[in-house]
């Protein structure tokens, strides 16, 4: 298996564990994650504009976790989420 796909699947496992065991994660919805996603997008954008590669790496990792939380919050409520976006991420 492609190591990127393995890493992404590991991330999803971690997100599932957090969703199951962490009270804060269980309470999150798309609505509560919206401001966090916006904040992380701006922080990643600032790091890119500043050409601060260590900060880009850090913010990219945080953004990725935030990005993965949104569909996980919906799936845990029994709402269907499209895997198309996730599959594109793995294949890139």
PDB file of N, CA and C in Angstrom:
ATOM      1  N   UNK A   1       0.859  -1.184   0.000  1.00  0.00           N
ATOM      2  CA  UNK A   1       0.000   0.000   0.000  1.00  0.00           C
ATOM      3  C   UNK A   1       0.899   1.238   0.000  1.00  0.00           C
ATOM      4  N   UNK A   2       0.451   2.232  -0.694  1.00  0.00           N
ATOM      5  CA  UNK A   2       1.162   3.514  -0.737  1.00  0.00           C
ATOM      6  C   UNK A   2       1.312   4.046   0.684  1.00  0.00           C
ATOM      7  N   UNK A   3       2.535   4.475   1.074  1.00  0.00           N
ATOM      8  CA  UNK A   3       2.721   4.967   2.442  1.00  0.00           C
ATOM      9  C   UNK A   3       1.855   6.178   2.776  1.00  0.00           C
ATOM     10  N   UNK A   4       1.497   6.977   1.769  1.00  0.00           N
ATOM     11  CA  UNK A   4       0.611   8.118   2.034  1.00  0.00           C
ATOM     12  C   UNK A   4      -0.773   7.639   2.438  1.00  0.00           C
ATOM     13  N   UNK A   5      -1.239   6.585   1.778  1.00  0.00           N
ATOM     14  CA  UNK A   5      -2.549   6.024   2.113  1.00  0.00           C
ATOM     15  C   UNK A   5      -2.512   5.407   3.514  1.00  0.00           C
ATOM     16  N   UNK A   6      -1.422   4.728   3.833  1.00  0.00           N
ATOM     17  CA  UNK A   6      -1.268   4.139   5.159  1.00  0.00           C
ATOM     18  C   UNK A   6      -1.288   5.228   6.229  1.00  0.00           C
ATOM     19  N   UNK A   7      -0.555   6.314   5.978  1.00  0.00           N
ATOM     20  CA  UNK A   7      -0.516   7.425   6.939  1.00  0.00           C
ATOM     21  C   UNK A   7      -1.898   8.058   7.092  1.00  0.00           C
ATOM     22  N   UNK A   8      -2.613   8.208   5.976  1.00  0.00           N
ATOM     23  CA  UNK A   8      -3.941   8.809   6.044  1.00  0.00           C
ATOM     24  C   UNK A   8      -4.906   7.906   6.815  1.00  0.00           C
ATOM     25  N   UNK A   9      -4.835   6.613   6.572  1.00  0.00           N
ATOM     26  CA  UNK A   9      -5.687   5.683   7.311  1.00  0.00           C
ATOM     27  C   UNK A   9      -5.362   5.713   8.799  1.00  0.00           C
ATOM     28  N   UNK A  10      -4.074   5.856   9.144  1.00  0.00           N
ATOM     29  CA  UNK A  10      -3.681   5.976  10.550  1.00  0.00           C
ATOM     30  C   UNK A  10      -4.291   7.231  11.169  1.00  0.00           C
ATOM     31  N   UNK A  11      -4.255   8.327  10.409  1.00  0.00           N
ATOM     32  CA  UNK A  11      -4.877   9.565  10.894  1.00  0.00           C
ATOM     33  C   UNK A  11      -6.363   9.353  11.167  1.00  0.00           C
ATOM     34  N   UNK A  12      -7.048   8.683  10.261  1.00  0.00           N
ATOM     35  CA  UNK A  12      -8.480   8.430  10.459  1.00  0.00           C
ATOM     36  C   UNK A  12      -8.726   7.550  11.681  1.00  0.00           C
ATOM     37  N   UNK A  13      -7.848   6.576  11.922  1.00  0.00           N
ATOM     38  CA  UNK A  13      -7.964   5.747  13.127  1.00  0.00           C
ATOM     39  C   UNK A  13      -7.828   6.603  14.385  1.00  0.00           C
ATOM     40  N   UNK A  14      -6.846   7.498  14.377  1.00  0.00           N
ATOM     41  CA  UNK A  14      -6.651   8.389  15.523  1.00  0.00           C
ATOM     42  C   UNK A  14      -7.884   9.265  15.727  1.00  0.00           C
ATOM     43  N   UNK A  15      -8.419   9.807  14.629  1.00  0.00           N
ATOM     44  CA  UNK A  15      -9.606  10.660  14.726  1.00  0.00           C
ATOM     45  C   UNK A  15     -10.793   9.862  15.276  1.00  0.00           C
ATOM     46  N   UNK A  16     -10.929   8.607  14.854  1.00  0.00           N
ATOM     47  CA  UNK A  16     -12.014   7.762  15.378  1.00  0.00           C
ATOM     48  C   UNK A  16     -11.847   7.512  16.875  1.00  0.00           C
ATOM     49  N   UNK A  17     -10.605   7.272  17.308  1.00  0.00           N
ATOM     50  CA  UNK A  17     -10.336   7.056  18.727  1.00  0.00           C
ATOM     51  C   UNK A  17     -10.687   8.308  19.527  1.00  0.00           C
ATOM     52  N   UNK A  18     -10.247   9.458  19.035  1.00  0.00           N
ATOM     53  CA  UNK A  18     -10.575  10.708  19.717  1.00  0.00           C
ATOM     54  C   UNK A  18     -12.083  10.908  19.783  1.00  0.00           C
ATOM     55  N   UNK A  19     -12.751  10.619  18.684  1.00  0.00           N
ATOM     56  CA  UNK A  19     -14.206  10.789  18.629  1.00  0.00           C
ATOM     57  C   UNK A  19     -14.895   9.890  19.649  1.00  0.00           C
ATOM     58  N   UNK A  20     -14.349   8.698  19.855  1.00  0.00           N
ATOM     59  CA  UNK A  20     -14.960   7.732  20.773  1.00  0.00           C
ATOM     60  C   UNK A  20     -14.624   8.019  22.233  1.00  0.00           C
ATOM     61  N   UNK A  21     -13.423   8.543  22.489  1.00  0.00           N
ATOM     62  CA  UNK A  21     -12.944   8.617  23.867  1.00  0.00           C
ATOM     63  C   UNK A  21     -12.807  10.023  24.444  1.00  0.00           C
ATOM     64  N   UNK A  22     -12.796  11.028  23.623  1.00  0.00           N
ATOM     65  CA  UNK A  22     -12.578  12.393  24.110  1.00  0.00           C
ATOM     66  C   UNK A  22     -13.902  13.155  24.146  1.00  0.00           C
ATOM     67  N   UNK A  23     -14.327  13.612  25.323  1.00  0.00           N
ATOM     68  CA  UNK A  23     -15.600  14.333  25.423  1.00  0.00           C
ATOM     69  C   UNK A  23     -15.657  15.569  24.518  1.00  0.00           C
ATOM     70  N   UNK A  24     -14.552  16.316  24.409  1.00  0.00           N
ATOM     71  CA  UNK A  24     -14.543  17.512  23.572  1.00  0.00           C
ATOM     72  C   UNK A  24     -14.785  17.136  22.109  1.00  0.00           C
ATOM     73  N   UNK A  25     -14.102  16.101  21.631  1.00  0.00           N
ATOM     74  CA  UNK A  25     -14.271  15.677  20.239  1.00  0.00           C
ATOM     75  C   UNK A  25     -15.688  15.187  19.976  1.00  0.00           C
ATOM     76  N   UNK A  26     -16.270  14.473  20.921  1.00  0.00           N
ATOM     77  CA  UNK A  26     -17.636  13.956  20.727  1.00  0.00           C
ATOM     78  C   UNK A  26     -18.654  15.071  20.581  1.00  0.00           C
ATOM     79  N   UNK A  27     -18.398  16.216  21.216  1.00  0.00           N
ATOM     80  CA  UNK A  27     -19.356  17.333  21.160  1.00  0.00           C
ATOM     81  C   UNK A  27     -19.274  18.134  19.865  1.00  0.00           C
ATOM     82  N   UNK A  28     -18.216  17.937  19.084  1.00  0.00           N
ATOM     83  CA  UNK A  28     -18.019  18.780  17.907  1.00  0.00           C
ATOM     84  C   UNK A  28     -18.999  18.446  16.789  1.00  0.00           C
ATOM     85  N   UNK A  29     -19.419  19.496  16.119  1.00  0.00           N
ATOM     86  CA  UNK A  29     -20.302  19.392  14.954  1.00  0.00           C
ATOM     87  C   UNK A  29     -19.664  20.183  13.814  1.00  0.00           C
ATOM     88  N   UNK A  30     -20.243  20.099  12.647  1.00  0.00           N
ATOM     89  CA  UNK A  30     -19.729  20.921  11.549  1.00  0.00           C
ATOM     90  C   UNK A  30     -19.786  22.392  11.926  1.00  0.00           C
ATOM     91  N   UNK A  31     -20.821  22.770  12.651  1.00  0.00           N
ATOM     92  CA  UNK A  31     -20.988  24.167  13.029  1.00  0.00           C
ATOM     93  C   UNK A  31     -19.917  24.612  14.030  1.00  0.00           C
ATOM     94  N   UNK A  32     -19.593  23.767  15.017  1.00  0.00           N
ATOM     95  CA  UNK A  32     -18.579  24.161  15.997  1.00  0.00           C
ATOM     96  C   UNK A  32     -17.171  24.078  15.417  1.00  0.00           C
ATOM     97  N   UNK A  33     -16.985  23.243  14.400  1.00  0.00           N
ATOM     98  CA  UNK A  33     -15.665  23.121  13.772  1.00  0.00           C
ATOM     99  C   UNK A  33     -15.410  24.223  12.747  1.00  0.00           C
ATOM    100  N   UNK A  34     -16.461  24.902  12.309  1.00  0.00           N
ATOM    101  CA  UNK A  34     -16.303  25.947  11.294  1.00  0.00           C
ATOM    102  C   UNK A  34     -15.297  27.018  11.699  1.00  0.00           C
ATOM    103  N   UNK A  35     -15.439  27.659  12.871  1.00  0.00           N
ATOM    104  CA  UNK A  35     -14.468  28.701  13.214  1.00  0.00           C
ATOM    105  C   UNK A  35     -13.045  28.166  13.373  1.00  0.00           C
ATOM    106  N   UNK A  36     -12.922  26.935  13.851  1.00  0.00           N
ATOM    107  CA  UNK A  36     -11.585  26.345  13.982  1.00  0.00           C
ATOM    108  C   UNK A  36     -10.954  26.119  12.608  1.00  0.00           C
ATOM    109  N   UNK A  37     -11.766  25.666  11.667  1.00  0.00           N
ATOM    110  CA  UNK A  37     -11.264  25.429  10.315  1.00  0.00           C
ATOM    111  C   UNK A  37     -10.834  26.740   9.665  1.00  0.00           C
ATOM    112  N   UNK A  38     -11.629  27.772   9.851  1.00  0.00           N
ATOM    113  CA  UNK A  38     -11.284  29.088   9.295  1.00  0.00           C
ATOM    114  C   UNK A  38      -9.984  29.600   9.923  1.00  0.00           C
ATOM    115  N   UNK A  39      -9.877  29.496  11.232  1.00  0.00           N
ATOM    116  CA  UNK A  39      -8.671  29.957  11.929  1.00  0.00           C
ATOM    117  C   UNK A  39      -7.431  29.213  11.435  1.00  0.00           C
ATOM    118  N   UNK A  40      -7.535  27.895  11.316  1.00  0.00           N
ATOM    119  CA  UNK A  40      -6.379  27.114  10.867  1.00  0.00           C
ATOM    120  C   UNK A  40      -6.029  27.419   9.412  1.00  0.00           C
ATOM    121  N   UNK A  41      -7.030  27.705   8.598  1.00  0.00           N
ATOM    122  CA  UNK A  41      -6.769  28.076   7.202  1.00  0.00           C
ATOM    123  C   UNK A  41      -5.971  29.371   7.143  1.00  0.00           C
ATOM    124  N   UNK A  42      -6.373  30.351   7.935  1.00  0.00           N
ATOM    125  CA  UNK A  42      -5.641  31.622   7.963  1.00  0.00           C
ATOM    126  C   UNK A  42      -4.217  31.433   8.495  1.00  0.00           C
ATOM    127  N   UNK A  43      -4.061  30.625   9.532  1.00  0.00           N
ATOM    128  CA  UNK A  43      -2.728  30.410  10.081  1.00  0.00           C
ATOM    129  C   UNK A  43      -1.817  29.710   9.077  1.00  0.00           C
ATOM    130  N   UNK A  44      -2.362  28.741   8.337  1.00  0.00           N
ATOM    131  CA  UNK A  44      -1.583  28.087   7.297  1.00  0.00           C
ATOM    132  C   UNK A  44      -1.243  29.085   6.195  1.00  0.00           C
ATOM    133  N   UNK A  45      -2.211  29.890   5.800  1.00  0.00           N
ATOM    134  CA  UNK A  45      -1.978  30.904   4.770  1.00  0.00           C
ATOM    135  C   UNK A  45      -0.908  31.901   5.181  1.00  0.00           C
ATOM    136  N   UNK A  46      -0.932  32.341   6.429  1.00  0.00           N
ATOM    137  CA  UNK A  46       0.088  33.271   6.924  1.00  0.00           C
ATOM    138  C   UNK A  46       1.477  32.639   6.876  1.00  0.00           C
ATOM    139  N   UNK A  47       1.577  31.383   7.285  1.00  0.00           N
ATOM    140  CA  UNK A  47       2.871  30.697   7.256  1.00  0.00           C
ATOM    141  C   UNK A  47       3.392  30.591   5.826  1.00  0.00           C
ATOM    142  N   UNK A  48       2.492  30.319   4.886  1.00  0.00           N
ATOM    143  CA  UNK A  48       2.882  30.243   3.472  1.00  0.00           C
ATOM    144  C   UNK A  48       3.365  31.605   2.993  1.00  0.00           C
ATOM    145  N   UNK A  49       2.603  32.665   3.282  1.00  0.00           N
ATOM    146  CA  UNK A  49       2.996  34.015   2.855  1.00  0.00           C
ATOM    147  C   UNK A  49       4.333  34.442   3.455  1.00  0.00           C
ATOM    148  N   UNK A  50       4.613  33.987   4.670  1.00  0.00           N
ATOM    149  CA  UNK A  50       5.872  34.323   5.330  1.00  0.00           C
ATOM    150  C   UNK A  50       7.012  33.393   4.919  1.00  0.00           C
ATOM    151  N   UNK A  51       6.703  32.433   4.067  1.00  0.00           N
ATOM    152  CA  UNK A  51       7.694  31.458   3.606  1.00  0.00           C
ATOM    153  C   UNK A  51       8.397  30.776   4.787  1.00  0.00           C
ATOM    154  N   UNK A  52       7.618  30.522   5.839  1.00  0.00           N
ATOM    155  CA  UNK A  52       8.126  29.889   7.051  1.00  0.00           C
ATOM    156  C   UNK A  52       7.830  28.392   6.963  1.00  0.00           C
ATOM    157  N   UNK A  53       8.745  27.643   6.363  1.00  0.00           N
ATOM    158  CA  UNK A  53       8.485  26.235   6.079  1.00  0.00           C
ATOM    159  C   UNK A  53       8.232  25.383   7.322  1.00  0.00           C
ATOM    160  N   UNK A  54       8.963  25.571   8.441  1.00  0.00           N
ATOM    161  CA  UNK A  54       8.612  24.788   9.632  1.00  0.00           C
ATOM    162  C   UNK A  54       7.185  25.092  10.125  1.00  0.00           C
ATOM    163  N   UNK A  55       6.788  26.366  10.040  1.00  0.00           N
ATOM    164  CA  UNK A  55       5.429  26.734  10.451  1.00  0.00           C
ATOM    165  C   UNK A  55       4.395  26.205   9.464  1.00  0.00           C
ATOM    166  N   UNK A  56       4.727  26.185   8.172  1.00  0.00           N
ATOM    167  CA  UNK A  56       3.816  25.613   7.165  1.00  0.00           C
ATOM    168  C   UNK A  56       3.562  24.150   7.507  1.00  0.00           C
ATOM    169  N   UNK A  57       4.632  23.415   7.808  1.00  0.00           N
ATOM    170  CA  UNK A  57       4.472  22.000   8.145  1.00  0.00           C
ATOM    171  C   UNK A  57       3.566  21.837   9.366  1.00  0.00           C
ATOM    172  N   UNK A  58       3.837  22.608  10.408  1.00  0.00           N
ATOM    173  CA  UNK A  58       3.036  22.521  11.637  1.00  0.00           C
ATOM    174  C   UNK A  58       1.572  22.854  11.367  1.00  0.00           C
ATOM    175  N   UNK A  59       1.339  23.963  10.679  1.00  0.00           N
ATOM    176  CA  UNK A  59      -0.039  24.391  10.415  1.00  0.00           C
ATOM    177  C   UNK A  59      -0.755  23.453   9.454  1.00  0.00           C
ATOM    178  N   UNK A  60      -0.030  22.878   8.520  1.00  0.00           N
ATOM    179  CA  UNK A  60      -0.625  21.915   7.588  1.00  0.00           C
ATOM    180  C   UNK A  60      -1.113  20.691   8.354  1.00  0.00           C
ATOM    181  N   UNK A  61      -0.324  20.234   9.328  1.00  0.00           N
ATOM    182  CA  UNK A  61      -0.724  19.081  10.129  1.00  0.00           C
ATOM    183  C   UNK A  61      -1.970  19.391  10.957  1.00  0.00           C
ATOM    184  N   UNK A  62      -1.998  20.570  11.562  1.00  0.00           N
ATOM    185  CA  UNK A  62      -3.168  20.963  12.357  1.00  0.00           C
ATOM    186  C   UNK A  62      -4.397  21.093  11.458  1.00  0.00           C
ATOM    187  N   UNK A  63      -4.215  21.719  10.287  1.00  0.00           N
ATOM    188  CA  UNK A  63      -5.325  21.875   9.352  1.00  0.00           C
ATOM    189  C   UNK A  63      -5.859  20.520   8.922  1.00  0.00           C
ATOM    190  N   UNK A  64      -4.958  19.592   8.655  1.00  0.00           N
ATOM    191  CA  UNK A  64      -5.374  18.260   8.214  1.00  0.00           C
ATOM    192  C   UNK A  64      -6.235  17.583   9.273  1.00  0.00           C
ATOM    193  N   UNK A  65      -5.835  17.702  10.527  1.00  0.00           N
ATOM    194  CA  UNK A  65      -6.637  17.117  11.618  1.00  0.00           C
ATOM    195  C   UNK A  65      -8.004  17.780  11.701  1.00  0.00           C
ATOM    196  N   UNK A  66      -8.021  19.094  11.565  1.00  0.00           N
ATOM    197  CA  UNK A  66      -9.296  19.825  11.602  1.00  0.00           C
ATOM    198  C   UNK A  66     -10.169  19.403  10.430  1.00  0.00           C
ATOM    199  N   UNK A  67      -9.554  19.298   9.262  1.00  0.00           N
ATOM    200  CA  UNK A  67     -10.272  18.904   8.045  1.00  0.00           C
ATOM    201  C   UNK A  67     -10.888  17.519   8.208  1.00  0.00           C
ATOM    202  N   UNK A  68     -10.139  16.596   8.821  1.00  0.00           N
ATOM    203  CA  UNK A  68     -10.643  15.228   9.008  1.00  0.00           C
ATOM    204  C   UNK A  68     -11.737  15.165  10.069  1.00  0.00           C
ATOM    205  N   UNK A  69     -11.766  16.107  10.977  1.00  0.00           N
ATOM    206  CA  UNK A  69     -12.773  16.093  12.040  1.00  0.00           C
ATOM    207  C   UNK A  69     -14.173  16.356  11.511  1.00  0.00           C
ATOM    208  N   UNK A  70     -14.289  17.151  10.482  1.00  0.00           N
ATOM    209  CA  UNK A  70     -15.614  17.540   9.999  1.00  0.00           C
ATOM    210  C   UNK A  70     -16.430  16.355   9.508  1.00  0.00           C
ATOM    211  N   UNK A  71     -15.931  15.556   8.556  1.00  0.00           N
ATOM    212  CA  UNK A  71     -16.763  14.415   8.137  1.00  0.00           C
ATOM    213  C   UNK A  71     -16.924  13.383   9.242  1.00  0.00           C
ATOM    214  N   UNK A  72     -15.925  13.251  10.145  1.00  0.00           N
ATOM    215  CA  UNK A  72     -16.033  12.305  11.243  1.00  0.00           C
ATOM    216  C   UNK A  72     -17.178  12.715  12.165  1.00  0.00           C
ATOM    217  N   UNK A  73     -17.355  14.014  12.370  1.00  0.00           N
ATOM    218  CA  UNK A  73     -18.436  14.469  13.244  1.00  0.00           C
ATOM    219  C   UNK A  73     -19.795  14.125  12.640  1.00  0.00           C
ATOM    220  N   UNK A  74     -19.894  14.153  11.340  1.00  0.00           N
ATOM    221  CA  UNK A  74     -21.167  13.835  10.682  1.00  0.00           C
ATOM    222  C   UNK A  74     -21.400  12.328  10.619  1.00  0.00           C
ATOM    223  N   UNK A  75     -20.347  11.566  10.338  1.00  0.00           N
ATOM    224  CA  UNK A  75     -20.475  10.113  10.273  1.00  0.00           C
ATOM    225  C   UNK A  75     -20.910   9.543  11.605  1.00  0.00           C
ATOM    226  N   UNK A  76     -20.376  10.098  12.702  1.00  0.00           N
ATOM    227  CA  UNK A  76     -20.729   9.582  14.019  1.00  0.00           C
ATOM    228  C   UNK A  76     -22.189   9.843  14.367  1.00  0.00           C
ATOM    229  N   UNK A  77     -22.830  10.761  13.646  1.00  0.00           N
ATOM    230  CA  UNK A  77     -24.248  11.049  13.875  1.00  0.00           C
ATOM    231  C   UNK A  77     -25.135  10.283  12.904  1.00  0.00           C
ATOM    232  N   UNK A  78     -24.519   9.380  12.121  1.00  0.00           N
ATOM    233  CA  UNK A  78     -25.279   8.583  11.174  1.00  0.00           C
ATOM    234  C   UNK A  78     -25.541   9.277   9.858  1.00  0.00           C
ATOM    235  N   UNK A  79     -24.930  10.444   9.662  1.00  0.00           N
ATOM    236  CA  UNK A  79     -25.089  11.151   8.390  1.00  0.00           C
ATOM    237  C   UNK A  79     -24.045  10.644   7.416  1.00  0.00           C
ATOM    238  N   UNK A  80     -24.474  10.433   6.212  1.00  0.00           N
ATOM    239  CA  UNK A  80     -23.551   9.963   5.180  1.00  0.00           C
ATOM    240  C   UNK A  80     -22.644  11.099   4.740  1.00  0.00           C
ATOM    241  N   UNK A  81     -21.369  10.798   4.555  1.00  0.00           N
ATOM    242  CA  UNK A  81     -20.429  11.775   4.018  1.00  0.00           C
ATOM    243  C   UNK A  81     -19.760  11.167   2.803  1.00  0.00           C
ATOM    244  N   UNK A  82     -19.499  11.990   1.835  1.00  0.00           N
ATOM    245  CA  UNK A  82     -18.898  11.514   0.593  1.00  0.00           C
ATOM    246  C   UNK A  82     -17.421  11.224   0.788  1.00  0.00           C
ATOM    247  N   UNK A  83     -16.963  10.040   0.378  1.00  0.00           N
ATOM    248  CA  UNK A  83     -15.544   9.730   0.494  1.00  0.00           C
ATOM    249  C   UNK A  83     -14.714  10.330  -0.633  1.00  0.00           C
ATOM    250  N   UNK A  84     -15.351  10.983  -1.612  1.00  0.00           N
ATOM    251  CA  UNK A  84     -14.636  11.477  -2.785  1.00  0.00           C
ATOM    252  C   UNK A  84     -13.486  12.404  -2.411  1.00  0.00           C
ATOM    253  N   UNK A  85     -13.715  13.322  -1.513  1.00  0.00           N
ATOM    254  CA  UNK A  85     -12.691  14.265  -1.091  1.00  0.00           C
ATOM    255  C   UNK A  85     -11.534  13.533  -0.426  1.00  0.00           C
ATOM    256  N   UNK A  86     -11.835  12.591   0.439  1.00  0.00           N
ATOM    257  CA  UNK A  86     -10.785  11.831   1.118  1.00  0.00           C
ATOM    258  C   UNK A  86      -9.986  10.994   0.139  1.00  0.00           C
ATOM    259  N   UNK A  87     -10.653  10.388  -0.821  1.00  0.00           N
ATOM    260  CA  UNK A  87      -9.942   9.557  -1.785  1.00  0.00           C
ATOM    261  C   UNK A  87      -9.030  10.408  -2.665  1.00  0.00           C
ATOM    262  N   UNK A  88      -9.463  11.583  -3.017  1.00  0.00           N
ATOM    263  CA  UNK A  88      -8.604  12.479  -3.799  1.00  0.00           C
ATOM    264  C   UNK A  88      -7.367  12.840  -3.000  1.00  0.00           C
ATOM    265  N   UNK A  89      -7.532  13.024  -1.714  1.00  0.00           N
ATOM    266  CA  UNK A  89      -6.407  13.369  -0.845  1.00  0.00           C
ATOM    267  C   UNK A  89      -5.394  12.238  -0.815  1.00  0.00           C
ATOM    268  N   UNK A  90      -5.877  11.014  -0.685  1.00  0.00           N
ATOM    269  CA  UNK A  90      -4.992   9.844  -0.610  1.00  0.00           C
ATOM    270  C   UNK A  90      -4.264   9.644  -1.934  1.00  0.00           C
ATOM    271  N   UNK A  91      -4.948   9.872  -3.052  1.00  0.00           N
ATOM    272  CA  UNK A  91      -4.346   9.617  -4.368  1.00  0.00           C
ATOM    273  C   UNK A  91      -3.367  10.711  -4.790  1.00  0.00           C
ATOM    274  N   UNK A  92      -3.398  11.859  -4.149  1.00  0.00           N
ATOM    275  CA  UNK A  92      -2.533  12.956  -4.607  1.00  0.00           C
ATOM    276  C   UNK A  92      -1.072  12.712  -4.297  1.00  0.00           C
TER     277      UNK A  92
END
